[in-house]
Structures are given as structure tokens and as C-alpha cells.
Amino acid sequence: WYAAGETIGWNDYPKLADSTRVVNQG
């Protein structure tokens, strides 16, 4: 690798679709 980055996030939405949407919005 020549460059690297990381994004992390947390939530407790029970439905995967909701959790995915919310972390991406964040």
C-alpha cells in the first residue's frame, strides 16, 4: 500500500439495513 485510511462507526439499530444507512449518513 502507498496510502491508507479508515472510517469507523457505531450504532445499535437492530435491522441491518437501518444500521447500514445510519452509519453511512454519519
PDB file of all heavy atoms in Angstrom:
ATOM      1  N   TRP A   1       0.840  -1.193   0.000  1.00  0.00           N
ATOM      2  CA  TRP A   1       0.000   0.000   0.000  1.00  0.00           C
ATOM      3  C   TRP A   1       0.879   1.248   0.000  1.00  0.00           C
ATOM      4  O   TRP A   1       1.993   1.239   0.487  1.00  0.00           O
ATOM      5  CB  TRP A   1      -0.942   0.012   1.203  1.00  0.00           C
ATOM      6  CG  TRP A   1      -0.249  -0.013   2.542  1.00  0.00           C
ATOM      7  CD1 TRP A   1       0.271  -1.087   3.201  1.00  0.00           C
ATOM      8  CD2 TRP A   1       0.037   1.124   3.368  1.00  0.00           C
ATOM      9  NE1 TRP A   1       0.854  -0.711   4.386  1.00  0.00           N
ATOM     10  CE2 TRP A   1       0.720   0.638   4.516  1.00  0.00           C
ATOM     11  CE3 TRP A   1      -0.220   2.490   3.251  1.00  0.00           C
ATOM     12  CZ2 TRP A   1       1.149   1.488   5.543  1.00  0.00           C
ATOM     13  CZ3 TRP A   1       0.196   3.318   4.275  1.00  0.00           C
ATOM     14  CH2 TRP A   1       0.868   2.826   5.404  1.00  0.00           C
ATOM     15  N   TYR A   2       0.346   2.310  -0.591  1.00  0.00           N
ATOM     16  CA  TYR A   2       1.051   3.583  -0.674  1.00  0.00           C
ATOM     17  C   TYR A   2       0.357   4.672   0.140  1.00  0.00           C
ATOM     18  O   TYR A   2       0.965   5.701   0.446  1.00  0.00           O
ATOM     19  CB  TYR A   2       1.164   4.028  -2.133  1.00  0.00           C
ATOM     20  CG  TYR A   2       1.612   2.919  -3.051  1.00  0.00           C
ATOM     21  CD1 TYR A   2       0.849   2.541  -4.151  1.00  0.00           C
ATOM     22  CD2 TYR A   2       2.789   2.214  -2.816  1.00  0.00           C
ATOM     23  CE1 TYR A   2       1.247   1.516  -4.995  1.00  0.00           C
ATOM     24  CE2 TYR A   2       3.196   1.179  -3.644  1.00  0.00           C
ATOM     25  CZ  TYR A   2       2.413   0.846  -4.727  1.00  0.00           C
ATOM     26  OH  TYR A   2       2.800  -0.189  -5.557  1.00  0.00           O
ATOM     27  N   ALA A   3      -0.909   4.451   0.440  1.00  0.00           N
ATOM     28  CA  ALA A   3      -1.682   5.353   1.298  1.00  0.00           C
ATOM     29  C   ALA A   3      -2.836   4.546   1.860  1.00  0.00           C
ATOM     30  O   ALA A   3      -3.303   3.587   1.229  1.00  0.00           O
ATOM     31  CB  ALA A   3      -2.198   6.565   0.519  1.00  0.00           C
ATOM     32  N   ALA A   4      -3.290   4.912   3.058  1.00  0.00           N
ATOM     33  CA  ALA A   4      -4.372   4.149   3.683  1.00  0.00           C
ATOM     34  C   ALA A   4      -5.217   5.061   4.562  1.00  0.00           C
ATOM     35  O   ALA A   4      -4.723   6.056   5.111  1.00  0.00           O
ATOM     36  CB  ALA A   4      -3.813   2.990   4.516  1.00  0.00           C
ATOM     37  N   GLY A   5      -6.489   4.727   4.683  1.00  0.00           N
ATOM     38  CA  GLY A   5      -7.399   5.472   5.543  1.00  0.00           C
ATOM     39  C   GLY A   5      -8.440   4.536   6.135  1.00  0.00           C
ATOM     40  O   GLY A   5      -8.691   3.452   5.601  1.00  0.00           O
ATOM     41  N   GLU A   6      -9.038   4.958   7.227  1.00  0.00           N
ATOM     42  CA  GLU A   6     -10.032   4.119   7.901  1.00  0.00           C
ATOM     43  C   GLU A   6     -11.173   4.972   8.419  1.00  0.00           C
ATOM     44  O   GLU A   6     -10.957   6.051   8.976  1.00  0.00           O
ATOM     45  CB  GLU A   6      -9.379   3.379   9.062  1.00  0.00           C
ATOM     46  CG  GLU A   6     -10.340   2.491   9.851  1.00  0.00           C
ATOM     47  CD  GLU A   6      -9.657   1.829  11.043  1.00  0.00           C
ATOM     48  OE1 GLU A   6      -9.231   2.565  11.974  1.00  0.00           O
ATOM     49  OE2 GLU A   6      -9.551   0.594  11.032  1.00  0.00           O
ATOM     50  N   THR A   7     -12.394   4.487   8.233  1.00  0.00           N
ATOM     51  CA  THR A   7     -13.558   5.094   8.864  1.00  0.00           C
ATOM     52  C   THR A   7     -14.209   4.039   9.744  1.00  0.00           C
ATOM     53  O   THR A   7     -14.316   2.868   9.362  1.00  0.00           O
ATOM     54  CB  THR A   7     -14.585   5.600   7.834  1.00  0.00           C
ATOM     55  OG1 THR A   7     -15.055   4.499   7.042  1.00  0.00           O
ATOM     56  CG2 THR A   7     -13.965   6.649   6.912  1.00  0.00           C
ATOM     57  N   ILE A   8     -14.626   4.436  10.933  1.00  0.00           N
ATOM     58  CA  ILE A   8     -15.294   3.527  11.858  1.00  0.00           C
ATOM     59  C   ILE A   8     -16.572   4.181  12.363  1.00  0.00           C
ATOM     60  O   ILE A   8     -16.711   5.408  12.335  1.00  0.00           O
ATOM     61  CB  ILE A   8     -14.383   3.132  13.044  1.00  0.00           C
ATOM     62  CG1 ILE A   8     -13.893   4.387  13.794  1.00  0.00           C
ATOM     63  CG2 ILE A   8     -13.206   2.302  12.554  1.00  0.00           C
ATOM     64  CD1 ILE A   8     -13.047   4.050  15.028  1.00  0.00           C
ATOM     65  N   GLY A   9     -17.507   3.361  12.792  1.00  0.00           N
ATOM     66  CA  GLY A   9     -18.767   3.906  13.282  1.00  0.00           C
ATOM     67  C   GLY A   9     -19.482   2.910  14.180  1.00  0.00           C
ATOM     68  O   GLY A   9     -19.183   1.708  14.174  1.00  0.00           O
ATOM     69  N   TRP A  10     -20.424   3.414  14.959  1.00  0.00           N
ATOM     70  CA  TRP A  10     -21.182   2.595  15.906  1.00  0.00           C
ATOM     71  C   TRP A  10     -22.645   3.019  15.899  1.00  0.00           C
ATOM     72  O   TRP A  10     -22.961   4.199  15.760  1.00  0.00           O
ATOM     73  CB  TRP A  10     -20.631   2.767  17.319  1.00  0.00           C
ATOM     74  CG  TRP A  10     -21.524   2.196  18.395  1.00  0.00           C
ATOM     75  CD1 TRP A  10     -21.472   0.932  18.894  1.00  0.00           C
ATOM     76  CD2 TRP A  10     -22.606   2.850  19.055  1.00  0.00           C
ATOM     77  NE1 TRP A  10     -22.463   0.753  19.834  1.00  0.00           N
ATOM     78  CE2 TRP A  10     -23.178   1.923  19.950  1.00  0.00           C
ATOM     79  CE3 TRP A  10     -23.168   4.124  18.964  1.00  0.00           C
ATOM     80  CZ2 TRP A  10     -24.268   2.233  20.759  1.00  0.00           C
ATOM     81  CZ3 TRP A  10     -24.250   4.432  19.766  1.00  0.00           C
ATOM     82  CH2 TRP A  10     -24.794   3.492  20.654  1.00  0.00           C
ATOM     83  N   ASN A  11     -23.520   2.043  16.014  1.00  0.00           N
ATOM     84  CA  ASN A  11     -24.923   2.307  16.335  1.00  0.00           C
ATOM     85  C   ASN A  11     -25.534   1.009  16.842  1.00  0.00           C
ATOM     86  O   ASN A  11     -24.902  -0.060  16.795  1.00  0.00           O
ATOM     87  CB  ASN A  11     -25.704   2.892  15.141  1.00  0.00           C
ATOM     88  CG  ASN A  11     -25.742   1.965  13.944  1.00  0.00           C
ATOM     89  OD1 ASN A  11     -26.244   0.850  14.027  1.00  0.00           O
ATOM     90  ND2 ASN A  11     -25.203   2.437  12.817  1.00  0.00           N
ATOM     91  N   ASP A  12     -26.778   1.088  17.316  1.00  0.00           N
ATOM     92  CA  ASP A  12     -27.435  -0.106  17.843  1.00  0.00           C
ATOM     93  C   ASP A  12     -28.778  -0.359  17.166  1.00  0.00           C
ATOM     94  O   ASP A  12     -29.691  -0.937  17.775  1.00  0.00           O
ATOM     95  CB  ASP A  12     -27.615  -0.009  19.361  1.00  0.00           C
ATOM     96  CG  ASP A  12     -28.404   1.227  19.793  1.00  0.00           C
ATOM     97  OD1 ASP A  12     -28.826   2.010  18.909  1.00  0.00           O
ATOM     98  OD2 ASP A  12     -28.594   1.411  21.015  1.00  0.00           O
ATOM     99  N   TYR A  13     -28.894   0.076  15.928  1.00  0.00           N
ATOM    100  CA  TYR A  13     -30.119  -0.191  15.181  1.00  0.00           C
ATOM    101  C   TYR A  13     -30.240  -1.697  14.954  1.00  0.00           C
ATOM    102  O   TYR A  13     -29.317  -2.333  14.440  1.00  0.00           O
ATOM    103  CB  TYR A  13     -30.121   0.543  13.847  1.00  0.00           C
ATOM    104  CG  TYR A  13     -30.460   2.005  13.976  1.00  0.00           C
ATOM    105  CD1 TYR A  13     -29.500   2.922  14.399  1.00  0.00           C
ATOM    106  CD2 TYR A  13     -31.741   2.465  13.696  1.00  0.00           C
ATOM    107  CE1 TYR A  13     -29.817   4.268  14.536  1.00  0.00           C
ATOM    108  CE2 TYR A  13     -32.068   3.809  13.826  1.00  0.00           C
ATOM    109  CZ  TYR A  13     -31.093   4.704  14.251  1.00  0.00           C
ATOM    110  OH  TYR A  13     -31.406   6.032  14.393  1.00  0.00           O
ATOM    111  N   PRO A  14     -31.363  -2.304  15.294  1.00  0.00           N
ATOM    112  CA  PRO A  14     -31.482  -3.765  15.214  1.00  0.00           C
ATOM    113  C   PRO A  14     -31.528  -4.317  13.789  1.00  0.00           C
ATOM    114  O   PRO A  14     -31.103  -5.449  13.549  1.00  0.00           O
ATOM    115  CB  PRO A  14     -32.786  -4.065  15.966  1.00  0.00           C
ATOM    116  CG  PRO A  14     -33.577  -2.801  15.870  1.00  0.00           C
ATOM    117  CD  PRO A  14     -32.566  -1.694  15.895  1.00  0.00           C
ATOM    118  N   LYS A  15     -32.060  -3.532  12.860  1.00  0.00           N
ATOM    119  CA  LYS A  15     -32.143  -4.006  11.480  1.00  0.00           C
ATOM    120  C   LYS A  15     -30.877  -3.608  10.723  1.00  0.00           C
ATOM    121  O   LYS A  15     -30.417  -2.469  10.813  1.00  0.00           O
ATOM    122  CB  LYS A  15     -33.377  -3.427  10.782  1.00  0.00           C
ATOM    123  CG  LYS A  15     -34.690  -3.958  11.341  1.00  0.00           C
ATOM    124  CD  LYS A  15     -35.873  -3.425  10.548  1.00  0.00           C
ATOM    125  CE  LYS A  15     -37.186  -3.986  11.078  1.00  0.00           C
ATOM    126  NZ  LYS A  15     -38.355  -3.473  10.306  1.00  0.00           N
ATOM    127  N   LEU A  16     -30.328  -4.568   9.980  1.00  0.00           N
ATOM    128  CA  LEU A  16     -29.080  -4.323   9.265  1.00  0.00           C
ATOM    129  C   LEU A  16     -29.199  -3.159   8.286  1.00  0.00           C
ATOM    130  O   LEU A  16     -28.298  -2.327   8.184  1.00  0.00           O
ATOM    131  CB  LEU A  16     -28.653  -5.590   8.518  1.00  0.00           C
ATOM    132  CG  LEU A  16     -27.348  -5.496   7.736  1.00  0.00           C
ATOM    133  CD1 LEU A  16     -26.178  -5.171   8.649  1.00  0.00           C
ATOM    134  CD2 LEU A  16     -27.087  -6.795   6.980  1.00  0.00           C
ATOM    135  N   ALA A  17     -30.319  -3.090   7.571  1.00  0.00           N
ATOM    136  CA  ALA A  17     -30.497  -2.014   6.597  1.00  0.00           C
ATOM    137  C   ALA A  17     -30.457  -0.648   7.272  1.00  0.00           C
ATOM    138  O   ALA A  17     -29.867   0.306   6.758  1.00  0.00           O
ATOM    139  CB  ALA A  17     -31.806  -2.199   5.833  1.00  0.00           C
ATOM    140  N   ASP A  18     -31.096  -0.541   8.434  1.00  0.00           N
ATOM    141  CA  ASP A  18     -31.100   0.725   9.159  1.00  0.00           C
ATOM    142  C   ASP A  18     -29.705   1.059   9.685  1.00  0.00           C
ATOM    143  O   ASP A  18     -29.258   2.204   9.605  1.00  0.00           O
ATOM    144  CB  ASP A  18     -32.089   0.668  10.333  1.00  0.00           C
ATOM    145  CG  ASP A  18     -33.530   0.595   9.875  1.00  0.00           C
ATOM    146  OD1 ASP A  18     -33.824   1.051   8.752  1.00  0.00           O
ATOM    147  OD2 ASP A  18     -34.369   0.072  10.641  1.00  0.00           O
ATOM    148  N   SER A  19     -29.022   0.060  10.225  1.00  0.00           N
ATOM    149  CA  SER A  19     -27.676   0.284  10.750  1.00  0.00           C
ATOM    150  C   SER A  19     -26.727   0.736   9.647  1.00  0.00           C
ATOM    151  O   SER A  19     -25.921   1.650   9.834  1.00  0.00           O
ATOM    152  CB  SER A  19     -27.145  -1.000  11.402  1.00  0.00           C
ATOM    153  OG  SER A  19     -25.838  -0.814  11.891  1.00  0.00           O
ATOM    154  N   THR A  20     -26.846   0.101   8.482  1.00  0.00           N
ATOM    155  CA  THR A  20     -26.008   0.458   7.337  1.00  0.00           C
ATOM    156  C   THR A  20     -26.258   1.902   6.911  1.00  0.00           C
ATOM    157  O   THR A  20     -25.322   2.677   6.689  1.00  0.00           O
ATOM    158  CB  THR A  20     -26.296  -0.489   6.158  1.00  0.00           C
ATOM    159  OG1 THR A  20     -26.143  -1.834   6.583  1.00  0.00           O
ATOM    160  CG2 THR A  20     -25.365  -0.217   5.005  1.00  0.00           C
ATOM    161  N   ARG A  21     -27.537   2.248   6.780  1.00  0.00           N
ATOM    162  CA  ARG A  21     -27.897   3.598   6.340  1.00  0.00           C
ATOM    163  C   ARG A  21     -27.412   4.647   7.330  1.00  0.00           C
ATOM    164  O   ARG A  21     -26.849   5.677   6.939  1.00  0.00           O
ATOM    165  CB  ARG A  21     -29.417   3.681   6.166  1.00  0.00           C
ATOM    166  CG  ARG A  21     -29.943   5.074   5.874  1.00  0.00           C
ATOM    167  CD  ARG A  21     -31.463   5.047   5.704  1.00  0.00           C
ATOM    168  NE  ARG A  21     -32.138   4.360   6.816  1.00  0.00           N
ATOM    169  CZ  ARG A  21     -32.378   4.928   7.992  1.00  0.00           C
ATOM    170  NH1 ARG A  21     -32.001   6.192   8.238  1.00  0.00           N
ATOM    171  NH2 ARG A  21     -33.013   4.247   8.941  1.00  0.00           N
ATOM    172  N   VAL A  22     -27.595   4.380   8.601  1.00  0.00           N
ATOM    173  CA  VAL A  22     -27.250   5.368   9.621  1.00  0.00           C
ATOM    174  C   VAL A  22     -25.743   5.567   9.709  1.00  0.00           C
ATOM    175  O   VAL A  22     -25.263   6.701   9.829  1.00  0.00           O
ATOM    176  CB  VAL A  22     -27.838   4.957  10.982  1.00  0.00           C
ATOM    177  CG1 VAL A  22     -27.271   5.818  12.098  1.00  0.00           C
ATOM    178  CG2 VAL A  22     -29.362   5.079  10.952  1.00  0.00           C
ATOM    179  N   VAL A  23     -24.975   4.486   9.648  1.00  0.00           N
ATOM    180  CA  VAL A  23     -23.526   4.662   9.740  1.00  0.00           C
ATOM    181  C   VAL A  23     -22.999   5.401   8.514  1.00  0.00           C
ATOM    182  O   VAL A  23     -22.101   6.243   8.616  1.00  0.00           O
ATOM    183  CB  VAL A  23     -22.800   3.311   9.948  1.00  0.00           C
ATOM    184  CG1 VAL A  23     -22.687   2.518   8.648  1.00  0.00           C
ATOM    185  CG2 VAL A  23     -21.411   3.539  10.529  1.00  0.00           C
ATOM    186  N   ASN A  24     -23.577   5.124   7.358  1.00  0.00           N
ATOM    187  CA  ASN A  24     -23.135   5.838   6.161  1.00  0.00           C
ATOM    188  C   ASN A  24     -23.495   7.314   6.243  1.00  0.00           C
ATOM    189  O   ASN A  24     -22.700   8.186   5.859  1.00  0.00           O
ATOM    190  CB  ASN A  24     -23.760   5.210   4.913  1.00  0.00           C
ATOM    191  CG  ASN A  24     -23.235   5.840   3.642  1.00  0.00           C
ATOM    192  OD1 ASN A  24     -22.093   5.650   3.256  1.00  0.00           O
ATOM    193  ND2 ASN A  24     -24.084   6.629   2.977  1.00  0.00           N
ATOM    194  N   GLN A  25     -24.688   7.613   6.747  1.00  0.00           N
ATOM    195  CA  GLN A  25     -25.072   9.017   6.922  1.00  0.00           C
ATOM    196  C   GLN A  25     -24.134   9.712   7.899  1.00  0.00           C
ATOM    197  O   GLN A  25     -23.760  10.872   7.698  1.00  0.00           O
ATOM    198  CB  GLN A  25     -26.513   9.102   7.424  1.00  0.00           C
ATOM    199  CG  GLN A  25     -27.560   8.753   6.387  1.00  0.00           C
ATOM    200  CD  GLN A  25     -28.968   8.775   6.942  1.00  0.00           C
ATOM    201  OE1 GLN A  25     -29.175   8.772   8.165  1.00  0.00           O
ATOM    202  NE2 GLN A  25     -29.959   8.774   6.055  1.00  0.00           N
ATOM    203  N   GLY A  26     -23.756   9.007   8.963  1.00  0.00           N
ATOM    204  CA  GLY A  26     -22.837   9.599   9.925  1.00  0.00           C
ATOM    205  C   GLY A  26     -21.490   9.917   9.297  1.00  0.00           C
ATOM    206  O   GLY A  26     -20.914  10.986   9.544  1.00  0.00           O
TER     207      GLY A  26
END
